[in-house]
C-alpha cells in the first residue's frame, strides 16, 4: 500500500547555492524569526538550540528519506538539533492525549490535514502559523514562506484566523488512463459530461465490458464519484452544507438528486467493469493497470499504488472529473500533508525555522523527485506521471476534498454516508431512493448527535 494512500486514510532540479549562503541567511534573520514567532511559542522561546519532531512517516519511506536529509543539513547550517521520531500514520492520535498537559513531547508534527484539524485545531491546541508566512526562505533572496506556498493552499488550513497547518505535499483526484493505449484521449481529454459519456460508450463497445475501474469495497473510492458529481452540479461547499443540514432536506433537494443521477446513469449503463461490486481491493485497480479497463478515478497516489502491475509501455495520464455542462464547475479537490505545531510546544520558534528551511526549493523538490508527489511550489515540477494533475491544480480553483467533511463531520461521513453510498454505487439504490434514505438517516443522526 502506498504511503500517500495510507496518509489520506485514509522533477525539476533546483538551482544550487552554497552552504555558506544558507548559513548566512539563517543567522542574519534569526532575531527577526524570534520576534515574529516568539509570541505563543511556549517556554522554549526563540533561543532553543533543539526541538523534537514527530512524523507520520516510517523511516524507510521516501518522504522520510527526504526529510532526514533536510534535517541533517539544517543542523549543520543552523546548529539546531532535531530529535525526530518516525511515528507512522497514528502520530497525531498518539500526541493528542498530551496536548492539554504541561509537557507536550513534540514541538513539530506532520500529518494529513484532516487529522491535524480534528486533533489540534478543533481542540484549540494548534499554534497559529500565520507569522511563519513572513519568514524568509533561507538561500532564496526575496522569497518568503507565503510567497512560495500559494494562498489557495494555506487558506484551506486556516480556520477562524488560525493557520493550523503549512503543507509540503498536495494530493488531488483525477481520472487516470494509459496514454500509450489511448492516444486520442491524451490528445483531447473529455471536458464535459457529454464528451465523457460518448467516450465511455465507445470504449465499452470496443471492450465488451465497462471501461470504469472501481474497487467498490473501499467506501472512500466509491465516494469520489458521488462527491464529484455533487461538486460539479452544485459547486464548492454544496456537499459539505448538505452533510451538516440537520433536517436532511438538502440531501434530497432536486439539484442534489439531479447530480446523483449522473452517477446512477453510469451504474445503469454498466459502465463500471464487471466484478467491481464484489471486488476486494486492489483487484480491480490491478486489472486496470494491466490494461483490462480504461479509467480509474483516484487520488494522485494511483501511480505508486499500481505501477508494479503496469506494463513498461504504460504511460500515466489523467484528466479532471468533467464539468457537467460546458462552462460548468471545474474545481479540483485537494488533501494536504504538512506541518503543525502544538500550542504548548516548548521550542516552537526553532520548529518554525525548520518549516521555512524545508520549504526551500532545493530541499522540497525531493518530495517530487524521490517521493513522487506534488508539492505546493509551482516552480517544482511534479513527476511525469503527475504532470497532468499538477496542471489541473495550477489552472483551476481548488477545494478541500469532500468539502472538508472528513474533518467537520467525520462520524456522519463514516456511519451515515458511506454505507448508503456504496449501495448506490453498486446498483442497490436509485438516485432518488439513495437521496431519500440519506436525508432520513442524516436527520436521525443529527438529532442524536445534537
Protein backbone atom coordinates (compact mmCIF):
# COMPACT_ATOMS: atom_id res chain seq x y z
CA UNK A 1 0.00 0.00 0.00
CA UNK A 2 1.36 3.39 -0.94
CA UNK A 3 2.44 5.99 1.57
CA UNK A 4 0.12 8.57 0.13
CA UNK A 5 -2.97 6.37 0.28
CA UNK A 6 -2.29 5.45 3.88
CA UNK A 7 -1.79 9.06 4.82
CA UNK A 8 -5.17 10.08 3.49
CA UNK A 9 -6.99 7.18 5.17
CA UNK A 10 -7.05 7.06 4.89
CA UNK A 11 11.01 16.75 -11.28
CA UNK A 12 12.78 19.70 -11.51
CA UNK A 13 16.29 20.32 -10.23
CA UNK A 14 16.67 23.45 -8.14
CA UNK A 15 19.48 25.88 -8.66
CA UNK A 16 22.40 25.13 -6.33
CA UNK A 17 23.58 27.57 -3.72
CA UNK A 18 26.35 27.44 -1.21
CA UNK A 19 26.10 26.20 2.34
CA UNK A 20 27.71 29.47 3.42
CA UNK A 21 24.85 31.39 1.82
CA UNK A 22 22.27 29.28 3.64
CA UNK A 23 24.04 29.70 6.97
CA UNK A 24 24.37 33.42 6.47
CA UNK A 25 20.71 33.81 5.63
CA UNK A 26 19.58 31.81 8.64
CA UNK A 27 21.85 33.59 11.09
CA UNK A 28 21.10 37.00 9.68
CA UNK A 29 17.39 36.53 10.16
CA UNK A 30 17.49 34.72 13.49
CA UNK A 31 16.49 37.77 15.51
CA UNK A 32 13.65 38.50 13.13
CA UNK A 33 12.44 34.94 13.26
CA UNK A 34 12.34 35.02 17.05
CA UNK A 35 10.46 38.28 17.09
CA UNK A 36 7.96 37.11 14.51
CA UNK A 37 7.38 33.73 16.11
CA UNK A 38 8.03 34.35 19.77
CA UNK A 39 4.51 35.05 20.92
CA UNK A 40 2.72 31.85 21.85
CA UNK A 41 5.84 29.82 21.21
CA UNK A 42 5.94 28.17 24.59
CA UNK A 43 8.57 28.19 27.30
CA UNK A 44 11.35 27.26 24.89
CA UNK A 45 11.15 30.60 23.12
CA UNK A 46 13.26 31.55 20.13
CA UNK A 47 16.66 30.75 21.61
CA UNK A 48 16.25 26.99 21.62
CA UNK A 49 19.11 25.01 20.10
CA UNK A 50 16.97 21.90 19.57
CA UNK A 51 13.43 20.72 19.03
CA UNK A 52 11.51 17.45 18.81
CA UNK A 53 9.71 16.38 15.65
CA UNK A 54 7.13 13.61 15.43
CA UNK A 55 6.49 12.44 11.87
CA UNK A 56 3.67 10.49 10.22
CA UNK A 57 6.19 8.62 8.07
CA UNK A 58 8.07 5.44 8.84
CA UNK A 59 11.81 5.93 8.45
CA UNK A 60 12.15 3.74 5.34
CA UNK A 61 9.52 5.65 3.34
CA UNK A 62 10.58 8.05 0.57
CA UNK A 63 9.22 11.14 2.34
CA UNK A 64 11.14 10.22 5.47
CA UNK A 65 14.36 9.94 3.49
CA UNK A 66 13.81 13.43 2.04
CA UNK A 67 13.11 14.82 5.50
CA UNK A 68 16.13 13.06 7.03
CA UNK A 69 18.46 14.69 4.54
CA UNK A 70 16.93 18.10 5.19
CA UNK A 71 17.16 17.65 8.96
CA UNK A 72 20.83 16.70 8.78
CA UNK A 73 21.65 19.74 6.65
CA UNK A 74 19.51 22.00 8.84
CA UNK A 75 21.54 21.02 11.89
CA UNK A 76 24.80 21.63 10.03
CA UNK A 77 23.65 25.03 8.80
CA UNK A 78 22.00 26.34 11.97
CA UNK A 79 23.39 24.32 14.87
CA UNK A 80 19.82 23.43 15.87
CA UNK A 81 19.49 19.75 16.68
CA UNK A 82 16.36 17.87 15.72
CA UNK A 83 15.20 14.84 17.66
CA UNK A 84 12.92 13.04 15.20
CA UNK A 85 10.63 10.12 15.85
CA UNK A 86 9.09 8.29 12.90
CA UNK A 87 5.71 7.50 14.41
CA UNK A 88 3.62 6.44 11.42
CA UNK A 89 0.06 7.34 10.47
CA UNK A 90 -1.31 7.49 14.01
CA UNK A 91 1.12 10.23 15.02
CA UNK A 92 -1.49 12.86 15.83
CA UNK A 93 -3.61 10.39 17.74
CA UNK A 94 -0.56 9.46 19.82
CA UNK A 95 0.18 13.10 20.50
CA UNK A 96 -3.42 14.09 21.32
CA UNK A 97 -3.54 12.93 24.98
CA UNK A 98 -0.57 15.17 25.85
CA UNK A 99 -1.72 18.38 24.19
CA UNK A 100 -3.50 19.84 27.19
CA UNK A 101 -0.72 18.97 29.63
CA UNK A 102 2.32 20.95 30.68
CA UNK A 103 4.66 18.56 28.90
CA UNK A 104 3.84 18.21 25.21
CA UNK A 105 6.52 15.85 23.83
CA UNK A 106 6.65 17.19 20.25
CA UNK A 107 7.38 20.71 19.02
CA UNK A 108 6.63 19.88 15.39
CA UNK A 109 4.33 17.28 13.87
CA UNK A 110 3.32 16.43 10.33
CA UNK A 111 0.15 14.65 9.22
CA UNK A 112 -2.71 14.74 6.77
CA UNK A 113 -4.88 17.82 7.10
CA UNK A 114 -7.96 16.11 8.48
CA UNK A 115 -6.11 14.68 11.47
CA UNK A 116 -4.34 17.97 12.15
CA UNK A 117 -7.69 19.73 12.14
CA UNK A 118 -9.50 17.19 14.32
CA UNK A 119 -6.80 16.75 16.97
CA UNK A 120 -5.18 20.18 17.01
CA UNK A 121 -7.34 22.94 15.58
CA UNK A 122 -10.75 21.67 16.67
CA UNK A 123 -9.49 21.19 20.23
CA UNK A 124 -7.85 24.62 20.43
CA UNK A 125 -4.37 23.12 20.61
CA UNK A 126 -2.90 24.36 17.32
CA UNK A 127 -0.38 27.19 17.27
CA UNK A 128 -1.25 29.85 14.70
CA UNK A 129 1.36 29.58 11.94
CA UNK A 130 0.36 32.84 10.23
CA UNK A 131 3.63 34.55 11.27
CA UNK A 132 5.56 31.79 9.51
CA UNK A 133 4.26 33.08 6.18
CA UNK A 134 6.51 36.12 6.64
CA UNK A 135 9.66 34.10 7.26
CA UNK A 136 12.34 34.23 4.55
CA UNK A 137 13.26 31.04 2.74
CA UNK A 138 16.96 30.50 3.52
CA UNK A 139 19.10 30.79 0.40
CA UNK A 140 16.32 32.26 -1.77
CA UNK A 141 16.63 36.03 -1.96
CA UNK A 142 13.27 37.75 -1.72
CA UNK A 143 11.29 34.57 -1.08
CA UNK A 144 9.12 34.04 1.98
CA UNK A 145 7.06 31.07 3.04
CA UNK A 146 3.95 32.96 1.99
CA UNK A 147 5.34 33.67 -1.47
CA UNK A 148 6.26 30.05 -2.27
CA UNK A 149 3.18 28.38 -0.74
CA UNK A 150 0.21 29.83 -2.63
CA UNK A 151 -2.63 31.25 -0.59
CA UNK A 152 -5.08 28.87 -2.27
CA UNK A 153 -3.37 26.07 -0.37
CA UNK A 154 -2.67 27.51 3.05
CA UNK A 155 -6.06 29.26 3.16
CA UNK A 156 -7.68 25.82 3.24
CA UNK A 157 -5.84 25.19 6.50
CA UNK A 158 -6.99 28.43 8.09
CA UNK A 159 -9.95 28.39 10.47
CA UNK A 160 -11.23 31.46 12.31
CA UNK A 161 -7.98 33.27 11.54
CA UNK A 162 -5.73 30.44 12.74
CA UNK A 163 -3.37 28.83 10.24
CA UNK A 164 -3.05 25.36 11.74
CA UNK A 165 -1.02 23.64 9.03
CA UNK A 166 1.51 24.51 6.33
CA UNK A 167 1.56 21.94 3.52
CA UNK A 168 4.54 20.37 1.81
CA UNK A 169 2.64 17.74 -0.20
CA UNK A 170 -0.57 18.03 -2.23
CA UNK A 171 -2.88 15.15 -3.12
CA UNK A 172 -5.66 15.57 -5.68
CA UNK A 173 -8.11 13.35 -7.53
CA UNK A 174 -8.06 12.65 -11.26
CA UNK A 175 -9.42 10.18 -13.79
CA UNK A 176 -6.41 8.08 -14.79
CA UNK A 177 -5.74 6.24 -18.02
CA UNK A 178 -2.91 4.81 -20.10
CA UNK A 179 -1.84 7.49 -22.56
CA UNK A 180 0.05 4.93 -24.61
CA UNK A 181 -3.06 2.81 -25.14
CA UNK A 182 -5.43 5.78 -25.54
CA UNK A 183 -3.56 8.43 -27.56
CA UNK A 184 -6.82 10.04 -28.73
CA UNK A 185 -7.80 10.69 -25.11
CA UNK A 186 -4.36 12.13 -24.43
CA UNK A 187 -4.76 14.44 -27.41
CA UNK A 188 -8.21 15.64 -26.32
CA UNK A 189 -9.42 14.59 -22.86
CA UNK A 190 -13.18 14.86 -22.30
CA UNK A 191 -14.04 18.21 -20.75
CA UNK A 192 -17.80 17.81 -20.33
CA UNK A 193 -20.11 15.05 -19.18
CA UNK A 194 -21.47 14.65 -22.69
CA UNK A 195 -17.98 14.10 -24.07
CA UNK A 196 -17.18 11.71 -21.23
CA UNK A 197 -20.37 9.71 -21.84
CA UNK A 198 -19.58 9.45 -25.54
CA UNK A 199 -16.08 8.23 -24.75
CA UNK A 200 -17.37 5.62 -22.31
CA UNK A 201 -19.87 4.30 -24.84
CA UNK A 202 -17.16 3.94 -27.48
CA UNK A 203 -14.76 2.20 -25.12
CA UNK A 204 -17.47 -0.16 -23.84
CA UNK A 205 -18.37 -1.13 -27.39
CA UNK A 206 -14.72 -1.79 -28.14
CA UNK A 207 -14.06 -3.79 -24.97
CA UNK A 208 -17.35 -5.53 -24.42
CA UNK A 209 -17.02 -4.51 -20.78
CA UNK A 210 -17.44 -1.38 -18.73
CA UNK A 211 -14.37 0.87 -19.02
CA UNK A 212 -14.52 2.30 -15.49
CA UNK A 213 -12.41 0.69 -12.76
CA UNK A 214 -13.57 0.75 -9.14
CA UNK A 215 -12.88 -1.43 -6.12
CA UNK A 216 -16.24 -0.79 -4.50
CA UNK A 217 -15.23 -2.48 -1.27
CA UNK A 218 -13.22 0.67 -0.46
CA UNK A 219 -16.02 3.08 0.53
CA UNK A 220 -13.86 6.17 0.06
CA UNK A 221 -13.18 5.26 -3.56
CA UNK A 222 -16.89 4.98 -4.32
CA UNK A 223 -17.42 8.29 -2.51
CA UNK A 224 -15.24 10.14 -5.02
CA UNK A 225 -17.84 9.54 -7.74
CA UNK A 226 -20.72 10.92 -5.70
CA UNK A 227 -18.81 13.84 -4.28
CA UNK A 228 -17.54 14.96 -7.66
CA UNK A 229 -21.00 14.73 -9.23
CA UNK A 230 -22.36 17.00 -6.47
CA UNK A 231 -19.39 19.34 -6.73
CA UNK A 232 -19.85 19.67 -10.48
CA UNK A 233 -23.60 20.04 -10.23
CA UNK A 234 -23.93 22.38 -7.26
CA UNK A 235 -20.48 23.89 -6.81
CA UNK A 236 -17.92 24.02 -3.99
CA UNK A 237 -19.31 23.68 -0.49
CA UNK A 238 -22.63 22.16 -1.50
CA UNK A 239 -21.74 18.65 -0.36
CA UNK A 240 -20.46 19.90 2.99
CA UNK A 241 -23.53 22.07 3.51
CA UNK A 242 -25.86 19.18 2.75
CA UNK A 243 -23.89 16.86 5.03
CA UNK A 244 -24.40 19.14 8.03
CA UNK A 245 -28.03 20.03 7.26
CA UNK A 246 -29.72 18.70 10.39
CA UNK A 247 -33.07 18.44 8.67
CA UNK A 248 -31.65 16.33 5.85
CA UNK A 249 -33.64 18.35 3.34
CA UNK A 250 -30.66 19.44 1.25
CA UNK A 251 -29.70 15.83 0.63
CA UNK A 252 -32.91 15.18 -1.28
CA UNK A 253 -33.31 18.59 -2.91
CA UNK A 254 -33.85 18.48 -6.70
CA UNK A 255 -30.37 19.80 -7.54
CA UNK A 256 -28.70 17.22 -5.32
CA UNK A 257 -30.72 14.39 -6.85
CA UNK A 258 -30.01 15.67 -10.35
CA UNK A 259 -26.27 15.48 -9.64
CA UNK A 260 -26.66 11.93 -8.32
CA UNK A 261 -28.45 10.88 -11.49
CA UNK A 262 -25.23 11.32 -13.45
CA UNK A 263 -23.63 8.59 -11.36
CA UNK A 264 -26.79 6.49 -11.49
CA UNK A 265 -26.56 6.62 -15.29
CA UNK A 266 -23.07 5.11 -15.17
CA UNK A 267 -24.27 2.25 -12.99
CA UNK A 268 -27.34 1.56 -15.11
CA UNK A 269 -25.29 1.60 -18.30
CA UNK A 270 -22.85 -0.97 -16.87
CA UNK A 271 -20.02 1.49 -17.36
CA UNK A 272 -18.16 0.02 -14.37
CA UNK A 273 -16.10 -3.06 -15.16
CA UNK A 274 -17.52 -6.49 -14.39
CA UNK A 275 -16.98 -7.58 -10.80
CA UNK A 276 -16.39 -4.10 -9.38
CA UNK A 277 -19.28 -4.51 -6.94
CA UNK A 278 -17.81 -7.69 -5.43
CA UNK A 279 -14.13 -6.91 -5.73
CA UNK A 280 -11.55 -6.99 -2.99
CA UNK A 281 -9.09 -4.13 -3.20
CA UNK A 282 -6.80 -3.89 -5.09
CA UNK A 283 -8.11 -6.43 -7.59
CA UNK A 284 -9.85 -4.03 -9.97
CA UNK A 285 -7.20 -1.33 -9.96
CA UNK A 286 -4.61 -4.02 -10.70
CA UNK A 287 -6.83 -5.13 -13.55
CA UNK A 288 -6.87 -1.51 -14.75
CA UNK A 289 -3.08 -1.24 -14.58
CA UNK A 290 -2.84 -4.38 -16.71
CA UNK A 291 -4.93 -2.72 -19.40
CA UNK A 292 -8.16 -4.61 -18.76
CA UNK A 293 -10.19 -1.45 -18.11
CA UNK A 294 -9.66 2.13 -19.15
CA UNK A 295 -10.36 4.74 -16.47
CA UNK A 296 -9.74 4.94 -12.74
CA UNK A 297 -10.98 7.80 -10.52
CA UNK A 298 -8.43 8.02 -7.73
CA UNK A 299 -6.00 10.31 -5.93
CA UNK A 300 -2.50 11.16 -7.11
CA UNK A 301 -1.28 8.10 -5.25
CA UNK A 302 -2.69 5.98 -8.10
CA UNK A 303 0.63 5.59 -9.98
CA UNK A 304 2.52 4.50 -6.88
CA UNK A 305 -0.21 2.00 -5.98
CA UNK A 306 -0.41 0.43 -9.42
CA UNK A 307 2.98 0.81 -11.10
CA UNK A 308 4.20 -2.67 -10.16
CA UNK A 309 1.31 -4.17 -12.16
CA UNK A 310 1.57 -1.91 -15.21
CA UNK A 311 3.48 -2.83 -18.34
CA UNK A 312 6.68 -1.00 -19.25
CA UNK A 313 4.78 0.82 -22.01
CA UNK A 314 2.07 2.09 -19.66
CA UNK A 315 2.07 5.90 -19.65
CA UNK A 316 0.24 7.50 -16.73
CA UNK A 317 -2.04 10.28 -17.92
CA UNK A 318 -5.03 11.87 -16.22
CA UNK A 319 -7.77 14.42 -16.61
CA UNK A 320 -10.09 16.17 -14.14
CA UNK A 321 -13.59 14.91 -13.48
CA UNK A 322 -15.51 16.52 -16.37
CA UNK A 323 -17.82 19.51 -15.97
CA UNK A 324 -21.46 18.54 -16.20
CA UNK A 325 -22.06 21.29 -18.76
CA UNK A 326 -19.83 23.50 -20.87
CA UNK A 327 -18.54 26.28 -18.65
CA UNK A 328 -19.60 24.42 -15.51
CA UNK A 329 -17.60 23.84 -12.34
CA UNK A 330 -14.05 22.55 -12.82
CA UNK A 331 -12.78 22.80 -9.23
CA UNK A 332 -10.04 20.40 -8.25
CA UNK A 333 -10.18 18.75 -4.84
CA UNK A 334 -7.09 18.58 -2.65
CA UNK A 335 -5.91 16.96 0.54
CA UNK A 336 -2.84 18.35 2.27
CA UNK A 337 0.07 16.83 4.15
CA UNK A 338 2.06 19.31 6.17
CA UNK A 339 3.49 20.69 9.37
CA UNK A 340 1.68 21.76 12.52
CA UNK A 341 2.93 22.98 15.88
CA UNK A 342 1.14 22.29 19.17
CA UNK A 343 0.17 25.46 21.02
CA UNK A 344 2.13 24.35 24.10
CA UNK A 345 5.28 23.35 22.19
CA UNK A 346 8.37 24.36 24.18
CA UNK A 347 10.60 25.05 21.20
CA UNK A 348 8.14 26.36 18.64
CA UNK A 349 10.41 29.05 17.20
CA UNK A 350 13.08 26.51 16.29
CA UNK A 351 10.42 24.32 14.70
CA UNK A 352 9.17 27.30 12.68
CA UNK A 353 12.67 27.89 11.37
CA UNK A 354 12.76 24.33 10.11
CA UNK A 355 9.44 24.75 8.28
CA UNK A 356 10.86 27.71 6.35
CA UNK A 357 14.10 25.81 5.75
CA UNK A 358 12.39 22.70 4.38
CA UNK A 359 10.18 24.68 2.01
CA UNK A 360 13.25 25.84 0.06
CA UNK A 361 13.16 24.53 -3.48
CA UNK A 362 16.47 22.68 -3.07
CA UNK A 363 15.03 20.56 -0.26
CA UNK A 364 11.31 20.39 -1.03
CA UNK A 365 11.89 19.12 -4.57
CA UNK A 366 12.76 15.73 -3.09
CA UNK A 367 9.03 15.27 -2.41
CA UNK A 368 8.60 15.31 -6.21
CA UNK A 369 11.78 13.59 -7.38
CA UNK A 370 12.11 10.94 -4.68
CA UNK A 371 8.67 10.59 -3.08
CA UNK A 372 6.91 11.08 -6.43
CA UNK A 373 4.29 13.53 -5.19
CA UNK A 374 3.16 17.08 -5.92
CA UNK A 375 4.46 19.93 -3.76
CA UNK A 376 2.75 23.29 -3.18
CA UNK A 377 5.53 25.14 -5.02
CA UNK A 378 4.69 25.96 -8.63
CA UNK A 379 8.40 26.04 -9.53
CA UNK A 380 8.88 22.38 -8.62
CA UNK A 381 7.73 20.16 -11.48
CA UNK A 382 5.71 17.14 -10.48
CA UNK A 383 6.97 13.72 -11.58
CA UNK A 384 5.96 12.94 -15.15
CA UNK A 385 3.11 10.67 -14.14
CA UNK A 386 1.54 13.52 -12.13
CA UNK A 387 2.15 16.30 -14.66
CA UNK A 388 -1.49 16.41 -15.79
CA UNK A 389 -2.68 16.61 -12.19
CA UNK A 390 -0.28 19.45 -11.41
CA UNK A 391 -1.54 21.33 -14.46
CA UNK A 392 -5.13 20.92 -13.27
CA UNK A 393 -4.18 22.36 -9.88
CA UNK A 394 -2.39 25.29 -11.48
CA UNK A 395 -5.19 26.27 -13.81
CA UNK A 396 -8.31 25.67 -11.72
CA UNK A 397 -9.97 26.54 -8.45
CA UNK A 398 -9.05 24.22 -5.58
CA UNK A 399 -11.34 22.99 -2.82
CA UNK A 400 -10.88 20.77 0.19
CA UNK A 401 -11.60 17.11 -0.56
CA UNK A 402 -15.20 16.24 0.28
CA UNK A 403 -15.66 19.88 1.33
CA UNK A 404 -13.75 19.03 4.50
CA UNK A 405 -16.49 16.68 5.72
CA UNK A 406 -13.90 14.21 6.99
CA UNK A 407 -12.76 16.97 9.32
CA UNK A 408 -16.02 18.58 10.36
CA UNK A 409 -18.49 15.68 10.17
CA UNK A 410 -16.30 12.59 10.21
CA UNK A 411 -18.73 10.34 12.08
CA UNK A 412 -21.64 11.27 9.77
CA UNK A 413 -19.44 10.53 6.78
CA UNK A 414 -18.40 7.12 8.08
CA UNK A 415 -21.63 5.91 9.67
CA UNK A 416 -24.34 7.52 7.56
CA UNK A 417 -23.00 8.44 4.14
CA UNK A 418 -20.52 5.72 3.21
CA UNK A 419 -22.73 2.62 3.67
CA UNK A 420 -25.60 4.11 1.67
CA UNK A 421 -23.26 5.48 -0.97
CA UNK A 422 -21.69 2.07 -1.54
CA UNK A 423 -25.17 0.60 -2.00
CA UNK A 424 -25.88 3.37 -4.51
CA UNK A 425 -22.66 2.83 -6.48
CA UNK A 426 -23.25 -0.90 -6.65
CA UNK A 427 -26.75 -0.54 -8.06
CA UNK A 428 -28.84 -1.37 -5.00
CA UNK A 429 -30.32 2.13 -4.73
CA UNK A 430 -31.55 4.59 -7.33
CA UNK A 431 -30.53 8.22 -7.11
CA UNK A 432 -33.89 9.16 -5.60
CA UNK A 433 -34.02 6.30 -3.10
CA UNK A 434 -30.40 6.97 -2.10
CA UNK A 435 -31.21 10.65 -1.54
CA UNK A 436 -34.34 9.84 0.46
CA UNK A 437 -32.58 7.33 2.71
CA UNK A 438 -29.59 9.61 3.13
CA UNK A 439 -31.81 12.52 4.11
CA UNK A 440 -33.78 10.45 6.62
CA UNK A 441 -30.77 8.76 8.18
CA UNK A 442 -28.92 12.07 8.37
CA UNK A 443 -31.80 13.76 10.17
CA UNK A 444 -31.91 10.89 12.66
CA UNK A 445 -28.16 11.02 13.11
CA UNK A 446 -28.05 14.75 13.79
CA UNK A 447 -30.91 14.53 16.29
CA UNK A 448 -28.87 12.02 18.28
CA UNK A 449 -25.57 13.84 17.77
CA UNK A 450 -27.09 17.10 18.96
